[in-house]
Amino acid sequence: MVETKEMEPLLLVEDKNELRAMLRKALERAGYAVDEAPDGTAAIQKVRARRYLLVITDLKMPGALVSTYCARQSMPTLPFP
């Protein structure tokens, strides 16, 4: 189990409701706090509002390029191609 008392939550971006629910449950069981977004547009709003430890995103969904933007905003020091 992961210590999450002071950690930012993870952001899970997935357009398929069932898959998003399954992944959220698995991550929460592992001890992570999870916030979710059903598409890239919602993900941008969430990233602008708070900081996330990690953004987990589906690349083959509507607004997938938006998810790349979210990752860049959430982790500006990491190199992206």
C-alpha atoms as a PDB file:
ATOM      1  CA  MET A   1       0.000   0.000   0.000  1.00  0.00           C
ATOM      2  CA  VAL A   2       1.206   3.499  -0.850  1.00  0.00           C
ATOM      3  CA  GLU A   3       1.387   6.293   1.722  1.00  0.00           C
ATOM      4  CA  THR A   4      -0.925   9.020   0.370  1.00  0.00           C
ATOM      5  CA  LYS A   5      -1.553  11.375   3.312  1.00  0.00           C
ATOM      6  CA  GLU A   6       0.383  14.265   1.773  1.00  0.00           C
ATOM      7  CA  MET A   7       0.510  13.166  -1.869  1.00  0.00           C
ATOM      8  CA  GLU A   8      -1.405  14.727  -4.707  1.00  0.00           C
ATOM      9  CA  PRO A   9      -3.974  12.450  -6.324  1.00  0.00           C
ATOM     10  CA  LEU A  10      -3.600  10.725  -9.656  1.00  0.00           C
ATOM     11  CA  LEU A  11      -5.668  11.925 -12.612  1.00  0.00           C
ATOM     12  CA  LEU A  12      -7.208   9.117 -14.645  1.00  0.00           C
ATOM     13  CA  VAL A  13      -8.399  10.179 -18.129  1.00  0.00           C
ATOM     14  CA  GLU A  14     -10.436   7.526 -19.944  1.00  0.00           C
ATOM     15  CA  ASP A  15     -13.533   7.843 -22.131  1.00  0.00           C
ATOM     16  CA  LYS A  16     -14.865   4.317 -21.519  1.00  0.00           C
ATOM     17  CA  ASN A  17     -16.863   4.396 -18.277  1.00  0.00           C
ATOM     18  CA  GLU A  18     -16.397   0.731 -17.393  1.00  0.00           C
ATOM     19  CA  LEU A  19     -12.640   0.778 -17.940  1.00  0.00           C
ATOM     20  CA  ARG A  20     -12.275   4.045 -16.016  1.00  0.00           C
ATOM     21  CA  ALA A  21     -14.214   2.571 -13.072  1.00  0.00           C
ATOM     22  CA  MET A  22     -12.121  -0.613 -13.082  1.00  0.00           C
ATOM     23  CA  LEU A  23      -8.827   1.291 -13.195  1.00  0.00           C
ATOM     24  CA  ARG A  24      -9.962   3.689 -10.473  1.00  0.00           C
ATOM     25  CA  LYS A  25     -10.905   0.801  -8.193  1.00  0.00           C
ATOM     26  CA  ALA A  26      -7.525  -0.912  -8.734  1.00  0.00           C
ATOM     27  CA  LEU A  27      -5.601   2.306  -8.063  1.00  0.00           C
ATOM     28  CA  GLU A  28      -7.624   3.075  -4.932  1.00  0.00           C
ATOM     29  CA  ARG A  29      -7.064  -0.470  -3.646  1.00  0.00           C
ATOM     30  CA  ALA A  30      -3.342   0.164  -4.086  1.00  0.00           C
ATOM     31  CA  GLY A  31      -3.713   3.202  -1.819  1.00  0.00           C
ATOM     32  CA  TYR A  32      -3.837   6.058  -4.314  1.00  0.00           C
ATOM     33  CA  ALA A  33      -6.288   8.935  -4.272  1.00  0.00           C
ATOM     34  CA  VAL A  34      -7.779   9.135  -7.768  1.00  0.00           C
ATOM     35  CA  ASP A  35      -9.530  11.945  -9.608  1.00  0.00           C
ATOM     36  CA  GLU A  36     -10.997  11.180 -13.020  1.00  0.00           C
ATOM     37  CA  ALA A  37     -11.951  12.845 -16.281  1.00  0.00           C
ATOM     38  CA  PRO A  38     -13.986  11.321 -19.128  1.00  0.00           C
ATOM     39  CA  ASP A  39     -12.185  13.265 -21.871  1.00  0.00           C
ATOM     40  CA  GLY A  40      -9.324  15.614 -22.613  1.00  0.00           C
ATOM     41  CA  THR A  41     -11.369  18.769 -22.160  1.00  0.00           C
ATOM     42  CA  ALA A  42     -12.418  17.799 -18.642  1.00  0.00           C
ATOM     43  CA  ALA A  43      -8.829  16.789 -17.900  1.00  0.00           C
ATOM     44  CA  ILE A  44      -7.551  20.264 -18.841  1.00  0.00           C
ATOM     45  CA  GLN A  45     -10.028  21.876 -16.454  1.00  0.00           C
ATOM     46  CA  LYS A  46      -8.873  19.609 -13.642  1.00  0.00           C
ATOM     47  CA  VAL A  47      -5.155  20.133 -14.314  1.00  0.00           C
ATOM     48  CA  ARG A  48      -5.657  23.905 -14.322  1.00  0.00           C
ATOM     49  CA  ALA A  49      -7.411  23.673 -10.938  1.00  0.00           C
ATOM     50  CA  ARG A  50      -4.888  21.536  -9.045  1.00  0.00           C
ATOM     51  CA  ARG A  51      -1.627  19.608  -9.128  1.00  0.00           C
ATOM     52  CA  TYR A  52      -1.522  15.846  -9.778  1.00  0.00           C
ATOM     53  CA  LEU A  53       1.123  13.313  -8.888  1.00  0.00           C
ATOM     54  CA  LEU A  54       0.562  11.495 -12.185  1.00  0.00           C
ATOM     55  CA  VAL A  55      -1.728  11.725 -15.202  1.00  0.00           C
ATOM     56  CA  ILE A  56      -2.801   8.365 -16.630  1.00  0.00           C
ATOM     57  CA  THR A  57      -4.474   8.869 -19.988  1.00  0.00           C
ATOM     58  CA  ASP A  58      -5.964   6.996 -22.887  1.00  0.00           C
ATOM     59  CA  LEU A  59      -4.264   8.146 -26.092  1.00  0.00           C
ATOM     60  CA  LYS A  60      -6.990   6.846 -28.427  1.00  0.00           C
ATOM     61  CA  MET A  61     -10.008   8.878 -27.401  1.00  0.00           C
ATOM     62  CA  PRO A  62     -11.668  12.144 -28.344  1.00  0.00           C
ATOM     63  CA  GLY A  63      -9.423  14.996 -27.270  1.00  0.00           C
ATOM     64  CA  ALA A  64      -6.376  12.762 -26.798  1.00  0.00           C
ATOM     65  CA  LEU A  65      -3.992  15.568 -27.761  1.00  0.00           C
ATOM     66  CA  VAL A  66      -5.513  17.539 -24.943  1.00  0.00           C
ATOM     67  CA  SER A  67      -4.309  14.849 -22.547  1.00  0.00           C
ATOM     68  CA  THR A  68      -0.739  15.485 -23.691  1.00  0.00           C
ATOM     69  CA  TYR A  69      -1.268  19.133 -22.795  1.00  0.00           C
ATOM     70  CA  CYS A  70      -2.464  18.046 -19.335  1.00  0.00           C
ATOM     71  CA  ALA A  71       0.631  15.961 -18.788  1.00  0.00           C
ATOM     72  CA  ARG A  72       2.870  18.876 -19.800  1.00  0.00           C
ATOM     73  CA  GLN A  73       1.041  21.253 -17.447  1.00  0.00           C
ATOM     74  CA  SER A  74       1.052  18.791 -14.565  1.00  0.00           C
ATOM     75  CA  MET A  75       4.731  17.869 -14.919  1.00  0.00           C
ATOM     76  CA  PRO A  76       6.524  20.819 -16.574  1.00  0.00           C
ATOM     77  CA  THR A  77      10.032  19.610 -15.687  1.00  0.00           C
ATOM     78  CA  LEU A  78       9.712  16.285 -17.509  1.00  0.00           C
ATOM     79  CA  PRO A  79      10.918  16.144 -21.096  1.00  0.00           C
ATOM     80  CA  PHE A  80       8.249  15.398 -23.698  1.00  0.00           C
ATOM     81  CA  PRO A  81       8.933  14.697 -27.367  1.00  0.00           C
END
